[in-house]
C-alpha atoms as a PDB file:
ATOM      1  CA  MET A   1      66.460 186.795 115.389  1.00  0.00           C
ATOM      2  CA  GLU A   2      67.417 186.101 111.796  1.00  0.00           C
ATOM      3  CA  ARG A   3      67.296 182.508 110.560  1.00  0.00           C
ATOM      4  CA  LYS A   4      70.228 181.184 108.587  1.00  0.00           C
ATOM      5  CA  GLN A   5      69.271 180.449 105.000  1.00  0.00           C
ATOM      6  CA  ILE A   6      70.280 177.209 103.305  1.00  0.00           C
ATOM      7  CA  GLU A   7      72.195 177.802 100.103  1.00  0.00           C
ATOM      8  CA  LEU A   8      73.443 174.636  98.437  1.00  0.00           C
ATOM      9  CA  SER A   9      76.371 174.492  96.072  1.00  0.00           C
ATOM     10  CA  PRO A  10      75.642 172.882  92.688  1.00  0.00           C
ATOM     11  CA  GLU A  11      77.660 169.810  93.717  1.00  0.00           C
ATOM     12  CA  VAL A  12      75.720 169.330  96.964  1.00  0.00           C
ATOM     13  CA  ARG A  13      72.392 169.893  95.202  1.00  0.00           C
ATOM     14  CA  LYS A  14      73.312 167.332  92.562  1.00  0.00           C
ATOM     15  CA  ALA A  15      74.399 164.859  95.259  1.00  0.00           C
ATOM     16  CA  LEU A  16      71.064 165.251  97.063  1.00  0.00           C
ATOM     17  CA  GLU A  17      69.080 164.804  93.857  1.00  0.00           C
ATOM     18  CA  GLN A  18      71.150 161.731  92.994  1.00  0.00           C
ATOM     19  CA  PHE A  19      70.616 160.372  96.508  1.00  0.00           C
ATOM     20  CA  ILE A  20      66.841 160.652  96.111  1.00  0.00           C
ATOM     21  CA  LYS A  21      66.688 159.076  92.656  1.00  0.00           C
ATOM     22  CA  THR A  22      69.096 156.148  92.912  1.00  0.00           C
ATOM     23  CA  GLY A  23      69.654 153.212  95.187  1.00  0.00           C
ATOM     24  CA  VAL A  24      67.626 151.545  97.879  1.00  0.00           C
ATOM     25  CA  ARG A  25      67.517 153.909 100.817  1.00  0.00           C
ATOM     26  CA  SER A  26      65.670 154.531 104.036  1.00  0.00           C
ATOM     27  CA  VAL A  27      62.528 156.620 103.539  1.00  0.00           C
ATOM     28  CA  ARG A  28      63.596 158.767 106.473  1.00  0.00           C
ATOM     29  CA  LEU A  29      66.882 159.684 104.788  1.00  0.00           C
ATOM     30  CA  VAL A  30      65.231 160.319 101.405  1.00  0.00           C
ATOM     31  CA  ASN A  31      62.706 162.610 103.094  1.00  0.00           C
ATOM     32  CA  ARG A  32      65.517 164.513 104.801  1.00  0.00           C
ATOM     33  CA  ALA A  33      67.183 165.067 101.416  1.00  0.00           C
ATOM     34  CA  LYS A  34      63.871 166.250  99.901  1.00  0.00           C
ATOM     35  CA  ILE A  35      63.386 168.683 102.775  1.00  0.00           C
ATOM     36  CA  ILE A  36      66.812 170.256 102.287  1.00  0.00           C
ATOM     37  CA  LEU A  37      66.250 170.574  98.549  1.00  0.00           C
ATOM     38  CA  ALA A  38      62.944 172.328  99.248  1.00  0.00           C
ATOM     39  CA  LEU A  39      64.660 174.734 101.681  1.00  0.00           C
ATOM     40  CA  ASP A  40      67.410 175.639  99.191  1.00  0.00           C
ATOM     41  CA  ASN A  41      67.765 179.368  98.361  1.00  0.00           C
ATOM     42  CA  SER A  42      70.715 179.130  95.961  1.00  0.00           C
ATOM     43  CA  GLU A  43      70.820 180.297  92.329  1.00  0.00           C
ATOM     44  CA  GLY A  44      67.676 182.434  92.559  1.00  0.00           C
ATOM     45  CA  ARG A  45      65.490 179.696  94.024  1.00  0.00           C
ATOM     46  CA  LYS A  46      62.928 180.567  96.658  1.00  0.00           C
ATOM     47  CA  ALA A  47      62.669 178.194  99.605  1.00  0.00           C
ATOM     48  CA  GLN A  48      59.265 176.613 100.181  1.00  0.00           C
ATOM     49  CA  THR A  49      57.407 177.301 103.402  1.00  0.00           C
ATOM     50  CA  GLN A  50      57.451 174.692 106.132  1.00  0.00           C
ATOM     51  CA  ASP A  51      53.762 173.959 105.620  1.00  0.00           C
ATOM     52  CA  ALA A  52      54.273 173.409 101.879  1.00  0.00           C
ATOM     53  CA  ILE A  53      57.193 171.067 102.574  1.00  0.00           C
ATOM     54  CA  CYS A  54      55.108 169.147 105.119  1.00  0.00           C
ATOM     55  CA  LYS A  55      52.392 168.554 102.521  1.00  0.00           C
ATOM     56  CA  SER A  56      54.683 167.737  99.594  1.00  0.00           C
ATOM     57  CA  VAL A  57      57.039 165.398 101.480  1.00  0.00           C
ATOM     58  CA  GLY A  58      54.410 163.987 103.824  1.00  0.00           C
ATOM     59  CA  VAL A  59      56.136 164.713 107.125  1.00  0.00           C
ATOM     60  CA  SER A  60      55.349 166.733 110.222  1.00  0.00           C
ATOM     61  CA  ARG A  61      56.445 170.302 110.818  1.00  0.00           C
ATOM     62  CA  GLN A  62      58.831 169.119 113.552  1.00  0.00           C
ATOM     63  CA  THR A  63      60.527 166.774 111.070  1.00  0.00           C
ATOM     64  CA  VAL A  64      61.209 169.732 108.766  1.00  0.00           C
ATOM     65  CA  ILE A  65      62.605 171.739 111.681  1.00  0.00           C
ATOM     66  CA  ASN A  66      64.789 168.842 112.831  1.00  0.00           C
ATOM     67  CA  ALA A  67      66.119 168.124 109.319  1.00  0.00           C
ATOM     68  CA  ARG A  68      67.026 171.790 108.805  1.00  0.00           C
ATOM     69  CA  HIS A  69      68.732 171.941 112.192  1.00  0.00           C
ATOM     70  CA  ASP A  70      70.663 168.708 111.568  1.00  0.00           C
ATOM     71  CA  PHE A  71      71.762 169.903 108.125  1.00  0.00           C
ATOM     72  CA  LEU A  72      73.112 173.170 109.514  1.00  0.00           C
ATOM     73  CA  LEU A  73      75.015 171.268 112.226  1.00  0.00           C
ATOM     74  CA  ALA A  74      76.374 168.539 109.936  1.00  0.00           C
ATOM     75  CA  GLY A  75      79.940 168.919 108.768  1.00  0.00           C
ATOM     76  CA  ASN A  76      79.214 167.600 105.288  1.00  0.00           C
ATOM     77  CA  ILE A  77      76.395 166.094 103.262  1.00  0.00           C
ATOM     78  CA  SER A  78      77.455 162.480 103.830  1.00  0.00           C
ATOM     79  CA  ASP A  79      77.235 162.932 107.613  1.00  0.00           C
ATOM     80  CA  PHE A  80      73.758 164.386 107.201  1.00  0.00           C
ATOM     81  CA  LEU A  81      72.550 161.499 105.027  1.00  0.00           C
ATOM     82  CA  GLN A  82      73.591 158.720 107.408  1.00  0.00           C
ATOM     83  CA  ARG A  83      71.951 157.331 110.485  1.00  0.00           C
ATOM     84  CA  LYS A  84      73.492 158.387 113.765  1.00  0.00           C
ATOM     85  CA  LYS A  85      75.781 155.895 115.414  1.00  0.00           C
ATOM     86  CA  ARG A  86      74.448 154.464 118.628  1.00  0.00           C
ATOM     87  CA  GLU A  87      75.938 156.227 121.655  1.00  0.00           C
ATOM     88  CA  THR A  88      75.511 153.334 124.061  1.00  0.00           C
ATOM     89  CA  PRO A  89      75.936 149.676 123.247  1.00  0.00           C
ATOM     90  CA  PRO A  90      72.853 147.484 123.342  1.00  0.00           C
ATOM     91  CA  VAL A  91      71.996 145.965 126.694  1.00  0.00           C
ATOM     92  CA  GLU A  92      73.581 142.578 127.139  1.00  0.00           C
ATOM     93  CA  PRO A  93      71.123 139.734 127.692  1.00  0.00           C
ATOM     94  CA  LYS A  94      70.635 138.888 131.335  1.00  0.00           C
ATOM     95  CA  ILE A  95      70.394 135.149 130.711  1.00  0.00           C
ATOM     96  CA  THR A  96      73.653 133.766 129.345  1.00  0.00           C
ATOM     97  CA  GLY A  97      74.350 130.180 128.348  1.00  0.00           C
ATOM     98  CA  GLU A  98      75.615 129.231 131.798  1.00  0.00           C
ATOM     99  CA  LEU A  99      72.655 130.802 133.584  1.00  0.00           C
ATOM    100  CA  GLU A 100      70.297 129.167 131.096  1.00  0.00           C
ATOM    101  CA  ALA A 101      71.739 125.748 131.922  1.00  0.00           C
ATOM    102  CA  ARG A 102      71.379 126.429 135.651  1.00  0.00           C
ATOM    103  CA  ILE A 103      67.743 127.477 135.263  1.00  0.00           C
ATOM    104  CA  ILE A 104      66.887 124.397 133.199  1.00  0.00           C
ATOM    105  CA  ALA A 105      68.658 122.165 135.728  1.00  0.00           C
ATOM    106  CA  LEU A 106      66.748 123.873 138.530  1.00  0.00           C
ATOM    107  CA  ALA A 107      63.433 123.386 136.711  1.00  0.00           C
ATOM    108  CA  CYS A 108      64.249 119.678 136.280  1.00  0.00           C
ATOM    109  CA  SER A 109      65.241 119.230 139.935  1.00  0.00           C
ATOM    110  CA  GLU A 110      63.089 118.268 142.902  1.00  0.00           C
ATOM    111  CA  VAL A 111      60.286 120.637 143.793  1.00  0.00           C
ATOM    112  CA  PRO A 112      60.732 122.439 147.133  1.00  0.00           C
ATOM    113  CA  ILE A 113      58.828 121.004 150.075  1.00  0.00           C
ATOM    114  CA  GLY A 114      55.315 122.358 150.268  1.00  0.00           C
ATOM    115  CA  TYR A 115      54.923 122.817 146.499  1.00  0.00           C
ATOM    116  CA  ALA A 116      53.367 120.459 143.966  1.00  0.00           C
ATOM    117  CA  ARG A 117      55.446 121.772 141.031  1.00  0.00           C
ATOM    118  CA  TRP A 118      57.764 124.557 139.945  1.00  0.00           C
ATOM    119  CA  THR A 119      56.099 127.811 138.962  1.00  0.00           C
ATOM    120  CA  LEU A 120      57.755 130.551 136.941  1.00  0.00           C
ATOM    121  CA  ARG A 121      57.751 132.906 139.911  1.00  0.00           C
ATOM    122  CA  LEU A 122      59.146 130.201 142.192  1.00  0.00           C
ATOM    123  CA  LEU A 123      61.981 129.547 139.715  1.00  0.00           C
ATOM    124  CA  ALA A 124      62.719 133.277 139.495  1.00  0.00           C
ATOM    125  CA  GLU A 125      62.831 133.621 143.289  1.00  0.00           C
ATOM    126  CA  LYS A 126      65.050 130.548 143.624  1.00  0.00           C
ATOM    127  CA  CYS A 127      67.512 131.923 141.015  1.00  0.00           C
ATOM    128  CA  VAL A 128      67.883 135.101 143.066  1.00  0.00           C
ATOM    129  CA  GLU A 129      68.103 133.115 146.307  1.00  0.00           C
ATOM    130  CA  LEU A 130      70.871 130.902 144.891  1.00  0.00           C
ATOM    131  CA  GLN A 131      72.574 134.082 143.601  1.00  0.00           C
ATOM    132  CA  TYR A 132      72.523 133.006 139.973  1.00  0.00           C
ATOM    133  CA  SER A 133      71.506 136.572 139.221  1.00  0.00           C
ATOM    134  CA  ASP A 134      70.861 139.714 141.248  1.00  0.00           C
ATOM    135  CA  SER A 135      67.300 139.917 139.863  1.00  0.00           C
ATOM    136  CA  MET A 136      65.214 137.681 137.642  1.00  0.00           C
ATOM    137  CA  SER A 137      61.822 138.075 136.027  1.00  0.00           C
ATOM    138  CA  HIS A 138      59.378 135.199 135.794  1.00  0.00           C
ATOM    139  CA  MET A 139      58.719 136.292 132.192  1.00  0.00           C
ATOM    140  CA  SER A 140      62.407 135.862 131.317  1.00  0.00           C
ATOM    141  CA  ILE A 141      62.217 132.307 132.569  1.00  0.00           C
ATOM    142  CA  SER A 142      59.001 131.770 130.616  1.00  0.00           C
ATOM    143  CA  ARG A 143      60.646 132.970 127.380  1.00  0.00           C
ATOM    144  CA  LEU A 144      63.675 130.779 128.045  1.00  0.00           C
ATOM    145  CA  LEU A 145      61.597 127.647 128.554  1.00  0.00           C
ATOM    146  CA  LYS A 146      59.401 128.392 125.533  1.00  0.00           C
ATOM    147  CA  LYS A 147      62.478 129.013 123.385  1.00  0.00           C
ATOM    148  CA  ARG A 148      63.804 125.592 124.375  1.00  0.00           C
ATOM    149  CA  ASN A 149      60.378 123.956 123.970  1.00  0.00           C
ATOM    150  CA  LEU A 150      60.539 122.701 127.540  1.00  0.00           C
ATOM    151  CA  ASN A 151      57.174 121.972 129.093  1.00  0.00           C
ATOM    152  CA  LEU A 152      58.519 121.634 132.593  1.00  0.00           C
ATOM    153  CA  ILE A 153      56.132 124.078 134.169  1.00  0.00           C
END
């Protein structure tokens, strides 16, 4: 199986060199540009070996393989030198403002019969029981109360 060689046009090579030398950039992206420049076979250049690139750039062999693969798949150089867009949105926080107010009100309310005080686990169980949320962690309640500097527990 023959591997496809990377041959950069003078414009692309100049763009990569400019990318490395100017501006404040992510080290990951600068390393990717250095890897592609080291793999370039255009204009009589001989591509470096993967081991030599690993040592000179300071990355693993898999990083070299991934950068080469991504470059060959990228439509243009600007797509290659940008971070990938997130495919899924970040997870929404479970505790919203309304739920936060309910939890604080619950923590300030009367303690259930048989208990001396509210515990984090008891608050979490009560939130689920009252159907404020389908599930609740005692650590989420702890973070909420610490964030609000409430020493109710």
